[in-house]
Amino acid sequence: MGIPRLLRDSQAEWKSLFSDFSTERLFQLNVHYTLLVGTPEVEKRFGIQGIPTTILLDRNGIIRKRVVGFEYTSAFESAVRQLL
């Protein structure tokens, strides 16, 4: 399916913002998890069908929770804590 062209083109503007997200900068922002910028390869590998998509993996790389849209609730936080 892929991300529609309009959205993909608009992401080009956002990519310039992500270029400043070096390891050091992410540490300064208190981001201690992996971020992937959507590419066709990432979409296919993880079955991305909507924006944003958050995928919670366990230590073995098994998908434990998938959220399409914004969900930063206590339930999501609880799911993260259970995997720590």
Protein backbone atom coordinates (compact mmCIF):
# COMPACT_ATOMS: atom_id res chain seq x y z
CA MET A 1 0.00 0.00 0.00
CA GLY A 2 2.67 2.52 1.01
CA ILE A 3 2.43 6.06 2.20
CA PRO A 4 0.51 8.26 -0.26
CA ARG A 5 2.73 10.44 -2.44
CA LEU A 6 1.40 13.69 -0.95
CA LEU A 7 2.34 12.58 2.54
CA ARG A 8 5.68 11.26 1.36
CA ASP A 9 6.48 14.60 -0.32
CA SER A 10 5.50 16.51 2.80
CA GLN A 11 7.83 14.29 4.80
CA ALA A 12 10.75 15.71 2.84
CA GLU A 13 10.40 18.90 4.90
CA TRP A 14 10.44 16.88 8.12
CA LYS A 15 13.54 14.92 7.09
CA SER A 16 15.59 18.10 7.35
CA LEU A 17 14.46 18.40 10.97
CA PHE A 18 15.46 14.80 11.69
CA SER A 19 18.93 15.33 10.23
CA ASP A 20 19.82 17.14 13.48
CA PHE A 21 18.85 14.09 15.55
CA SER A 22 22.34 12.77 16.11
CA THR A 23 22.92 10.35 18.98
CA GLU A 24 24.18 13.23 21.11
CA ARG A 25 21.15 15.41 20.31
CA LEU A 26 18.69 12.60 21.07
CA PHE A 27 20.43 12.05 24.41
CA GLN A 28 20.07 15.76 25.20
CA LEU A 29 16.35 15.52 24.38
CA ASN A 30 16.05 12.50 26.72
CA VAL A 31 15.11 10.17 23.84
CA HIS A 32 16.43 6.75 24.81
CA TYR A 33 14.73 4.58 22.21
CA THR A 34 15.16 3.86 18.52
CA LEU A 35 13.48 6.15 15.99
CA LEU A 36 12.99 5.09 12.38
CA VAL A 37 12.09 7.54 9.65
CA GLY A 38 9.51 6.04 7.30
CA THR A 39 11.00 4.66 4.11
CA PRO A 40 9.49 2.10 1.75
CA GLU A 41 11.73 -0.54 3.33
CA VAL A 42 10.59 0.33 6.87
CA GLU A 43 6.94 0.40 5.74
CA LYS A 44 7.24 -3.07 4.25
CA ARG A 45 9.26 -4.64 7.07
CA PHE A 46 6.96 -3.42 9.83
CA GLY A 47 3.66 -3.35 7.92
CA ILE A 48 3.15 0.39 8.36
CA GLN A 49 -0.31 1.40 7.16
CA GLY A 50 -0.86 4.76 8.84
CA ILE A 51 0.96 7.77 10.21
CA PRO A 52 2.17 7.92 12.90
CA THR A 53 2.75 4.29 13.81
CA THR A 54 4.38 3.31 17.08
CA ILE A 55 5.66 -0.23 17.45
CA LEU A 56 6.72 -1.57 20.81
CA LEU A 57 9.24 -4.41 20.54
CA ASP A 58 10.46 -6.64 23.33
CA ARG A 59 14.16 -7.39 23.87
CA ASN A 60 13.97 -10.20 21.31
CA GLY A 61 12.52 -7.95 18.61
CA ILE A 62 9.01 -9.40 18.87
CA ILE A 63 6.22 -6.86 18.30
CA ARG A 64 4.26 -6.55 21.55
CA LYS A 65 2.12 -3.50 20.78
CA ARG A 66 1.29 -1.56 17.62
CA VAL A 67 -0.48 1.79 17.66
CA VAL A 68 -1.59 3.66 14.55
CA GLY A 69 -2.26 7.27 15.49
CA PHE A 70 -1.37 9.06 18.69
CA GLU A 71 -1.62 7.06 21.90
CA TYR A 72 0.55 8.17 24.75
CA THR A 73 -1.62 7.03 27.61
CA SER A 74 -1.02 5.31 30.91
CA ALA A 75 -1.92 2.01 29.18
CA PHE A 76 0.90 2.50 26.68
CA GLU A 77 3.31 3.53 29.43
CA SER A 78 2.30 0.41 31.37
CA ALA A 79 3.05 -1.77 28.33
CA VAL A 80 6.51 -0.20 28.08
CA ARG A 81 7.22 -0.69 31.79
CA GLN A 82 6.23 -4.37 31.59
CA LEU A 83 8.89 -4.92 28.94
CA LEU A 84 11.70 -3.16 30.83
